[in-house]
Amino acid sequence: MQLEYPIRINKYLAQNNYSTRLGADELIKKGKVFINGHKAVLGDKVYEGDEVVVDEKGTKKSYVYYAYNKAKGIVTSAPQKGEKDIMMVTKFPIQVFPIGRLDKDSTGLLIITNDGRVTDRLLSPKYVHEKEYVVKLANPFTDLFLEKMQSGVRFDGFVSRKCKAWRKTADTFHIILTEGKKRQIRRMCEALHQDVKELKRVRVMNIQIGALKPGEYREIKGQELKDFLSVLKLI
């Protein structure tokens, strides 16, 4: 869920995994919450750029971050009848959720975490972050097709941002996007009269899918995590 500012302090704390909204109200009543150095009161609002601090005796959770390889045929979340989502097929040590989504027919990298702050920083259109994909088409493509993909494609009244794309084989290419419209790559290709056969996300910012097999995950930690959170301005 993306944060929309201004936001009530209890909602802000809940979405950033300090507590429930009721629990946040209790922290505020006990004087454990500060906004820009001033003790918060019930009903206060947080504006973008505000510094929110919870007393060290508060109940903030420990954050974890995983790189996960979603398999084809699995939905990211909200499964319909007969479908399975990530949490149904993969067991994680603690309660976590995926950031963003990949459609059912696509595979590859998703960030899985319990840190609600990442959602807004990674998905909001006001931030620009790279996501790299490998795309296999049903038929070989021309250099002109690749040039058009890079220069911006019009579909459904929208024109995609200029991007980087390069050929891998006669029918496969890499593409790096800095936006995330629903089924964007598939719709871009369809607008240029090509059908996507396989689509795999291989990188989100500095996080690489590496050797992860479908359904596998690994913890993001160390310098890799520091770099990731630093770019998101969370440290």
C-alpha atoms as a PDB file:
ATOM      1  CA  MET A   1       0.000   0.000   0.000  1.00  0.00           C
ATOM      2  CA  GLN A   2       1.368   3.379  -0.973  1.00  0.00           C
ATOM      3  CA  LEU A   3       1.504   6.155   1.598  1.00  0.00           C
ATOM      4  CA  GLU A   4      -0.433   9.281   0.709  1.00  0.00           C
ATOM      5  CA  TYR A   5       0.640  12.380   2.605  1.00  0.00           C
ATOM      6  CA  PRO A   6      -0.418  13.940   4.878  1.00  0.00           C
ATOM      7  CA  ILE A   7      -1.222  10.782   6.842  1.00  0.00           C
ATOM      8  CA  ARG A   8      -2.470  10.391  10.422  1.00  0.00           C
ATOM      9  CA  ILE A   9       0.305   9.391  12.778  1.00  0.00           C
ATOM     10  CA  ASN A  10      -1.403   6.183  13.935  1.00  0.00           C
ATOM     11  CA  LYS A  11      -1.918   5.050  10.334  1.00  0.00           C
ATOM     12  CA  TYR A  12       1.686   5.948   9.527  1.00  0.00           C
ATOM     13  CA  LEU A  13       2.980   3.823  12.414  1.00  0.00           C
ATOM     14  CA  ALA A  14       0.733   0.913  11.473  1.00  0.00           C
ATOM     15  CA  GLN A  15       1.817   0.941   7.837  1.00  0.00           C
ATOM     16  CA  ASN A  16       5.460   1.096   8.894  1.00  0.00           C
ATOM     17  CA  ASN A  17       5.049  -1.992  11.073  1.00  0.00           C
ATOM     18  CA  TYR A  18       5.425  -0.418  14.511  1.00  0.00           C
ATOM     19  CA  SER A  19       2.042  -1.699  15.694  1.00  0.00           C
ATOM     20  CA  THR A  20      -1.647  -1.817  14.914  1.00  0.00           C
ATOM     21  CA  ARG A  21      -3.471   1.529  14.783  1.00  0.00           C
ATOM     22  CA  LEU A  22      -4.815   0.935  18.288  1.00  0.00           C
ATOM     23  CA  GLY A  23      -1.338   0.006  19.453  1.00  0.00           C
ATOM     24  CA  ALA A  24      -0.024   3.176  17.835  1.00  0.00           C
ATOM     25  CA  ASP A  25      -2.561   5.230  19.764  1.00  0.00           C
ATOM     26  CA  GLU A  26      -1.224   3.695  22.983  1.00  0.00           C
ATOM     27  CA  LEU A  27       2.375   4.533  22.042  1.00  0.00           C
ATOM     28  CA  ILE A  28       1.315   8.124  21.344  1.00  0.00           C
ATOM     29  CA  LYS A  29      -0.585   8.391  24.660  1.00  0.00           C
ATOM     30  CA  LYS A  30       2.499   7.135  26.501  1.00  0.00           C
ATOM     31  CA  GLY A  31       4.628   9.844  24.891  1.00  0.00           C
ATOM     32  CA  LYS A  32       6.842   7.445  22.938  1.00  0.00           C
ATOM     33  CA  VAL A  33       6.290   8.989  19.482  1.00  0.00           C
ATOM     34  CA  PHE A  34       7.990  12.156  18.189  1.00  0.00           C
ATOM     35  CA  ILE A  35       7.463  14.094  14.933  1.00  0.00           C
ATOM     36  CA  ASN A  36      10.360  16.377  14.018  1.00  0.00           C
ATOM     37  CA  GLY A  37      11.529  16.301  17.630  1.00  0.00           C
ATOM     38  CA  HIS A  38       8.133  17.204  19.133  1.00  0.00           C
ATOM     39  CA  LYS A  39       6.078  14.731  21.132  1.00  0.00           C
ATOM     40  CA  ALA A  40       3.146  13.556  19.001  1.00  0.00           C
ATOM     41  CA  VAL A  41      -0.466  13.725  20.133  1.00  0.00           C
ATOM     42  CA  LEU A  42      -3.486  11.802  18.917  1.00  0.00           C
ATOM     43  CA  GLY A  43      -4.691  13.130  15.575  1.00  0.00           C
ATOM     44  CA  ASP A  44      -1.321  14.552  14.483  1.00  0.00           C
ATOM     45  CA  LYS A  45      -0.513  14.200  10.809  1.00  0.00           C
ATOM     46  CA  VAL A  46       2.771  13.238   9.163  1.00  0.00           C
ATOM     47  CA  TYR A  47       3.842  15.117   6.058  1.00  0.00           C
ATOM     48  CA  GLU A  48       6.308  13.887   3.456  1.00  0.00           C
ATOM     49  CA  GLY A  49       9.836  14.548   4.708  1.00  0.00           C
ATOM     50  CA  ASP A  50       8.871  14.582   8.391  1.00  0.00           C
ATOM     51  CA  GLU A  51      11.105  12.694  10.796  1.00  0.00           C
ATOM     52  CA  VAL A  52       9.129  10.232  12.910  1.00  0.00           C
ATOM     53  CA  VAL A  53      10.901   8.634  15.871  1.00  0.00           C
ATOM     54  CA  VAL A  54       9.538   5.989  18.228  1.00  0.00           C
ATOM     55  CA  ASP A  55      11.142   5.639  21.647  1.00  0.00           C
ATOM     56  CA  GLU A  56      13.479   2.646  21.827  1.00  0.00           C
ATOM     57  CA  LYS A  57      11.059   0.963  24.215  1.00  0.00           C
ATOM     58  CA  GLY A  58       8.414   0.961  21.505  1.00  0.00           C
ATOM     59  CA  THR A  59       7.298  -2.174  19.692  1.00  0.00           C
ATOM     60  CA  LYS A  60       8.901  -1.730  16.289  1.00  0.00           C
ATOM     61  CA  LYS A  61       9.366  -5.026  14.458  1.00  0.00           C
ATOM     62  CA  SER A  62      12.629  -6.266  13.025  1.00  0.00           C
ATOM     63  CA  TYR A  63      12.576  -5.978   9.250  1.00  0.00           C
ATOM     64  CA  VAL A  64      13.520  -8.784   6.876  1.00  0.00           C
ATOM     65  CA  TYR A  65      13.958  -8.689   3.112  1.00  0.00           C
ATOM     66  CA  TYR A  66      13.974 -11.593   0.662  1.00  0.00           C
ATOM     67  CA  ALA A  67      14.678 -11.969  -3.052  1.00  0.00           C
ATOM     68  CA  TYR A  68      12.112 -14.438  -4.425  1.00  0.00           C
ATOM     69  CA  ASN A  69      11.776 -16.147  -7.810  1.00  0.00           C
ATOM     70  CA  LYS A  70       8.082 -16.401  -8.697  1.00  0.00           C
ATOM     71  CA  ALA A  71       7.155 -19.437 -10.784  1.00  0.00           C
ATOM     72  CA  LYS A  72       4.881 -19.340 -13.823  1.00  0.00           C
ATOM     73  CA  GLY A  73       1.223 -20.021 -13.042  1.00  0.00           C
ATOM     74  CA  ILE A  74       1.422 -18.586  -9.518  1.00  0.00           C
ATOM     75  CA  VAL A  75      -0.288 -15.260  -8.812  1.00  0.00           C
ATOM     76  CA  THR A  76       1.437 -12.685  -6.643  1.00  0.00           C
ATOM     77  CA  SER A  77      -1.541 -12.179  -4.303  1.00  0.00           C
ATOM     78  CA  ALA A  78      -5.365 -12.233  -4.120  1.00  0.00           C
ATOM     79  CA  PRO A  79      -5.862 -15.633  -5.804  1.00  0.00           C
ATOM     80  CA  GLN A  80      -9.155 -16.352  -7.518  1.00  0.00           C
ATOM     81  CA  LYS A  81     -10.911 -19.724  -7.528  1.00  0.00           C
ATOM     82  CA  GLY A  82      -8.488 -22.457  -8.536  1.00  0.00           C
ATOM     83  CA  GLU A  83      -5.421 -20.203  -8.297  1.00  0.00           C
ATOM     84  CA  LYS A  84      -2.512 -20.288  -5.860  1.00  0.00           C
ATOM     85  CA  ASP A  85      -0.520 -17.288  -4.674  1.00  0.00           C
ATOM     86  CA  ILE A  86       3.034 -16.995  -3.365  1.00  0.00           C
ATOM     87  CA  MET A  87       2.095 -17.411   0.291  1.00  0.00           C
ATOM     88  CA  MET A  88       0.183 -20.611  -0.489  1.00  0.00           C
ATOM     89  CA  VAL A  89       3.132 -22.318  -2.182  1.00  0.00           C
ATOM     90  CA  THR A  90       6.093 -20.903  -0.231  1.00  0.00           C
ATOM     91  CA  LYS A  91       6.605 -20.868   3.540  1.00  0.00           C
ATOM     92  CA  PHE A  92       8.541 -17.977   5.037  1.00  0.00           C
ATOM     93  CA  PRO A  93       9.909 -17.859   8.620  1.00  0.00           C
ATOM     94  CA  ILE A  94       7.745 -14.849   9.521  1.00  0.00           C
ATOM     95  CA  GLN A  95       4.750 -12.988   8.130  1.00  0.00           C
ATOM     96  CA  VAL A  96       5.792 -11.074   5.006  1.00  0.00           C
ATOM     97  CA  PHE A  97       4.252  -9.776   1.784  1.00  0.00           C
ATOM     98  CA  PRO A  98       5.374  -9.135  -1.821  1.00  0.00           C
ATOM     99  CA  ILE A  99       6.183  -5.631  -3.047  1.00  0.00           C
ATOM    100  CA  GLY A 100       4.401  -5.033  -6.339  1.00  0.00           C
ATOM    101  CA  ARG A 101       3.389  -7.887  -8.565  1.00  0.00           C
ATOM    102  CA  LEU A 102       4.167 -10.033 -11.567  1.00  0.00           C
ATOM    103  CA  ASP A 103       1.285 -11.359 -13.628  1.00  0.00           C
ATOM    104  CA  LYS A 104       0.390 -15.037 -13.537  1.00  0.00           C
ATOM    105  CA  ASP A 105       2.218 -15.914 -16.761  1.00  0.00           C
ATOM    106  CA  SER A 106       5.404 -14.027 -15.875  1.00  0.00           C
ATOM    107  CA  THR A 107       8.270 -15.284 -13.723  1.00  0.00           C
ATOM    108  CA  GLY A 108      11.182 -13.887 -11.815  1.00  0.00           C
ATOM    109  CA  LEU A 109      12.243 -11.541  -9.078  1.00  0.00           C
ATOM    110  CA  LEU A 110       9.979 -10.107  -6.406  1.00  0.00           C
ATOM    111  CA  ILE A 111      11.036  -8.392  -3.193  1.00  0.00           C
ATOM    112  CA  ILE A 112       9.328 -10.011  -0.191  1.00  0.00           C
ATOM    113  CA  THR A 113       9.416  -8.167   3.144  1.00  0.00           C
ATOM    114  CA  ASN A 114       7.564  -7.072   6.276  1.00  0.00           C
ATOM    115  CA  ASP A 115       8.728  -3.468   5.798  1.00  0.00           C
ATOM    116  CA  GLY A 116       5.751  -1.423   4.637  1.00  0.00           C
ATOM    117  CA  ARG A 117       7.975   1.589   3.930  1.00  0.00           C
ATOM    118  CA  VAL A 118       9.401  -0.158   0.874  1.00  0.00           C
ATOM    119  CA  THR A 119       6.030  -0.246  -0.902  1.00  0.00           C
ATOM    120  CA  ASP A 120       5.776   3.494  -1.405  1.00  0.00           C
ATOM    121  CA  ARG A 121       9.495   4.047  -2.058  1.00  0.00           C
ATOM    122  CA  LEU A 122       9.689   1.294  -4.686  1.00  0.00           C
ATOM    123  CA  LEU A 123       6.323   1.574  -6.431  1.00  0.00           C
ATOM    124  CA  SER A 124       5.274   5.219  -6.295  1.00  0.00           C
ATOM    125  CA  PRO A 125       5.655   6.990  -9.690  1.00  0.00           C
ATOM    126  CA  LYS A 126       7.372   9.906  -7.936  1.00  0.00           C
ATOM    127  CA  TYR A 127      10.426   7.658  -7.465  1.00  0.00           C
ATOM    128  CA  VAL A 128      12.467   6.227 -10.356  1.00  0.00           C
ATOM    129  CA  HIS A 129      14.005   2.781  -9.902  1.00  0.00           C
ATOM    130  CA  GLU A 130      15.252   0.293 -12.484  1.00  0.00           C
ATOM    131  CA  LYS A 131      13.665  -3.107 -13.079  1.00  0.00           C
ATOM    132  CA  GLU A 132      15.266  -5.395 -15.666  1.00  0.00           C
ATOM    133  CA  TYR A 133      13.467  -8.118 -17.643  1.00  0.00           C
ATOM    134  CA  VAL A 134      14.350 -10.789 -20.177  1.00  0.00           C
ATOM    135  CA  VAL A 135      11.627 -11.104 -22.832  1.00  0.00           C
ATOM    136  CA  LYS A 136      11.231 -13.938 -25.337  1.00  0.00           C
ATOM    137  CA  LEU A 137       8.856 -13.225 -28.232  1.00  0.00           C
ATOM    138  CA  ALA A 138       6.821 -15.669 -30.279  1.00  0.00           C
ATOM    139  CA  ASN A 139       8.710 -14.564 -33.410  1.00  0.00           C
ATOM    140  CA  PRO A 140      12.075 -12.980 -34.259  1.00  0.00           C
ATOM    141  CA  PHE A 141      12.136  -9.185 -34.152  1.00  0.00           C
ATOM    142  CA  THR A 142      13.887  -6.461 -36.129  1.00  0.00           C
ATOM    143  CA  ASP A 143      16.268  -3.768 -34.935  1.00  0.00           C
ATOM    144  CA  LEU A 144      13.492  -1.270 -35.671  1.00  0.00           C
ATOM    145  CA  PHE A 145      11.251  -3.029 -33.136  1.00  0.00           C
ATOM    146  CA  LEU A 146      13.966  -2.643 -30.506  1.00  0.00           C
ATOM    147  CA  GLU A 147      14.450   1.033 -31.364  1.00  0.00           C
ATOM    148  CA  LYS A 148      10.731   1.679 -30.966  1.00  0.00           C
ATOM    149  CA  MET A 149      10.670  -0.116 -27.604  1.00  0.00           C
ATOM    150  CA  GLN A 150      13.459   2.161 -26.381  1.00  0.00           C
ATOM    151  CA  SER A 151      12.017   5.416 -27.685  1.00  0.00           C
ATOM    152  CA  GLY A 152       8.571   5.001 -26.089  1.00  0.00           C
ATOM    153  CA  VAL A 153       5.497   3.032 -27.142  1.00  0.00           C
ATOM    154  CA  ARG A 154       1.931   4.313 -27.205  1.00  0.00           C
ATOM    155  CA  PHE A 155      -0.707   1.926 -25.858  1.00  0.00           C
ATOM    156  CA  ASP A 156      -4.171   2.555 -24.431  1.00  0.00           C
ATOM    157  CA  GLY A 157      -3.643   6.328 -24.547  1.00  0.00           C
ATOM    158  CA  PHE A 158      -0.349   6.119 -22.635  1.00  0.00           C
ATOM    159  CA  VAL A 159       3.209   6.563 -23.911  1.00  0.00           C
ATOM    160  CA  SER A 160       5.919   4.632 -22.097  1.00  0.00           C
ATOM    161  CA  ARG A 161       9.085   6.345 -20.895  1.00  0.00           C
ATOM    162  CA  LYS A 162      12.253   6.043 -22.914  1.00  0.00           C
ATOM    163  CA  CYS A 163      14.164   3.001 -21.727  1.00  0.00           C
ATOM    164  CA  LYS A 164      17.140   0.766 -22.356  1.00  0.00           C
ATOM    165  CA  ALA A 165      16.740  -2.433 -24.387  1.00  0.00           C
ATOM    166  CA  TRP A 166      19.197  -4.711 -26.150  1.00  0.00           C
ATOM    167  CA  ARG A 167      19.122  -7.920 -28.138  1.00  0.00           C
ATOM    168  CA  LYS A 168      20.053 -11.275 -26.620  1.00  0.00           C
ATOM    169  CA  THR A 169      19.050 -13.592 -29.495  1.00  0.00           C
ATOM    170  CA  ALA A 170      16.903 -13.396 -32.628  1.00  0.00           C
ATOM    171  CA  ASP A 171      13.711 -13.561 -30.547  1.00  0.00           C
ATOM    172  CA  THR A 172      14.856 -12.514 -27.044  1.00  0.00           C
ATOM    173  CA  PHE A 173      15.862  -9.162 -25.554  1.00  0.00           C
ATOM    174  CA  HIS A 174      16.620  -7.428 -22.252  1.00  0.00           C
ATOM    175  CA  ILE A 175      14.704  -4.319 -21.239  1.00  0.00           C
ATOM    176  CA  ILE A 176      15.072  -1.970 -18.250  1.00  0.00           C
ATOM    177  CA  LEU A 177      11.974  -0.040 -17.162  1.00  0.00           C
ATOM    178  CA  THR A 178      11.648   2.725 -14.596  1.00  0.00           C
ATOM    179  CA  GLU A 179       7.845   2.591 -14.453  1.00  0.00           C
ATOM    180  CA  GLY A 180       5.350  -0.160 -13.800  1.00  0.00           C
ATOM    181  CA  LYS A 181       2.057  -0.047 -15.658  1.00  0.00           C
ATOM    182  CA  LYS A 182      -0.042  -3.210 -15.467  1.00  0.00           C
ATOM    183  CA  ARG A 183       1.285  -5.807 -17.940  1.00  0.00           C
ATOM    184  CA  GLN A 184       3.333  -3.001 -19.476  1.00  0.00           C
ATOM    185  CA  ILE A 185       5.886  -4.987 -21.460  1.00  0.00           C
ATOM    186  CA  ARG A 186       3.234  -7.268 -22.922  1.00  0.00           C
ATOM    187  CA  ARG A 187       1.128  -4.264 -23.931  1.00  0.00           C
ATOM    188  CA  MET A 188       4.146  -2.484 -25.448  1.00  0.00           C
ATOM    189  CA  CYS A 189       4.972  -5.544 -27.525  1.00  0.00           C
ATOM    190  CA  GLU A 190       1.358  -6.013 -28.625  1.00  0.00           C
ATOM    191  CA  ALA A 191       1.267  -2.387 -29.778  1.00  0.00           C
ATOM    192  CA  LEU A 192       4.243  -3.225 -32.010  1.00  0.00           C
ATOM    193  CA  HIS A 193       2.569  -6.411 -33.305  1.00  0.00           C
ATOM    194  CA  GLN A 194       4.606  -8.890 -31.304  1.00  0.00           C
ATOM    195  CA  ASP A 195       3.421 -11.477 -28.765  1.00  0.00           C
ATOM    196  CA  VAL A 196       5.362 -12.264 -25.601  1.00  0.00           C
ATOM    197  CA  LYS A 197       6.104 -15.955 -25.124  1.00  0.00           C
ATOM    198  CA  GLU A 198       8.129 -15.707 -21.915  1.00  0.00           C
ATOM    199  CA  LEU A 199       8.778 -12.793 -19.543  1.00  0.00           C
ATOM    200  CA  LYS A 200      11.157 -12.933 -16.600  1.00  0.00           C
ATOM    201  CA  ARG A 201      12.197 -10.159 -14.207  1.00  0.00           C
ATOM    202  CA  VAL A 202      15.870 -10.602 -13.348  1.00  0.00           C
ATOM    203  CA  ARG A 203      16.712  -7.442 -11.385  1.00  0.00           C
ATOM    204  CA  VAL A 204      15.115  -4.823  -9.140  1.00  0.00           C
ATOM    205  CA  MET A 205      17.543  -1.939  -8.542  1.00  0.00           C
ATOM    206  CA  ASN A 206      20.713  -3.628  -7.231  1.00  0.00           C
ATOM    207  CA  ILE A 207      18.965  -6.897  -6.315  1.00  0.00           C
ATOM    208  CA  GLN A 208      19.708  -9.687  -8.820  1.00  0.00           C
ATOM    209  CA  ILE A 209      17.757 -12.928  -9.165  1.00  0.00           C
ATOM    210  CA  GLY A 210      21.020 -14.835  -9.570  1.00  0.00           C
ATOM    211  CA  ALA A 211      20.773 -18.620  -9.396  1.00  0.00           C
ATOM    212  CA  LEU A 212      17.423 -18.770  -7.584  1.00  0.00           C
ATOM    213  CA  LYS A 213      15.160 -21.491  -8.958  1.00  0.00           C
ATOM    214  CA  PRO A 214      11.378 -20.938  -9.285  1.00  0.00           C
ATOM    215  CA  GLY A 215       9.844 -20.888  -5.809  1.00  0.00           C
ATOM    216  CA  GLU A 216      13.173 -20.311  -4.055  1.00  0.00           C
ATOM    217  CA  TYR A 217      14.175 -17.273  -2.026  1.00  0.00           C
ATOM    218  CA  ARG A 218      17.224 -15.891  -0.273  1.00  0.00           C
ATOM    219  CA  GLU A 219      17.650 -13.247   2.392  1.00  0.00           C
ATOM    220  CA  ILE A 220      18.914  -9.855   1.284  1.00  0.00           C
ATOM    221  CA  LYS A 221      21.526  -8.713   3.781  1.00  0.00           C
ATOM    222  CA  GLY A 222      24.935  -7.139   4.259  1.00  0.00           C
ATOM    223  CA  GLN A 223      26.171  -4.565   1.759  1.00  0.00           C
ATOM    224  CA  GLU A 224      23.504  -5.581  -0.761  1.00  0.00           C
ATOM    225  CA  LEU A 225      20.786  -4.608   1.730  1.00  0.00           C
ATOM    226  CA  LYS A 226      22.555  -1.397   2.737  1.00  0.00           C
ATOM    227  CA  ASP A 227      22.804  -0.318  -0.908  1.00  0.00           C
ATOM    228  CA  PHE A 228      19.136  -1.171  -1.502  1.00  0.00           C
ATOM    229  CA  LEU A 229      17.831   0.741   1.529  1.00  0.00           C
ATOM    230  CA  SER A 230      20.201   3.647   0.897  1.00  0.00           C
ATOM    231  CA  VAL A 231      18.839   4.241  -2.610  1.00  0.00           C
ATOM    232  CA  LEU A 232      15.299   4.084  -1.168  1.00  0.00           C
ATOM    233  CA  LYS A 233      16.438   6.652   1.435  1.00  0.00           C
ATOM    234  CA  LEU A 234      15.409   4.378   4.286  1.00  0.00           C
ATOM    235  CA  ILE A 235      18.795   4.566   6.005  1.00  0.00           C
END
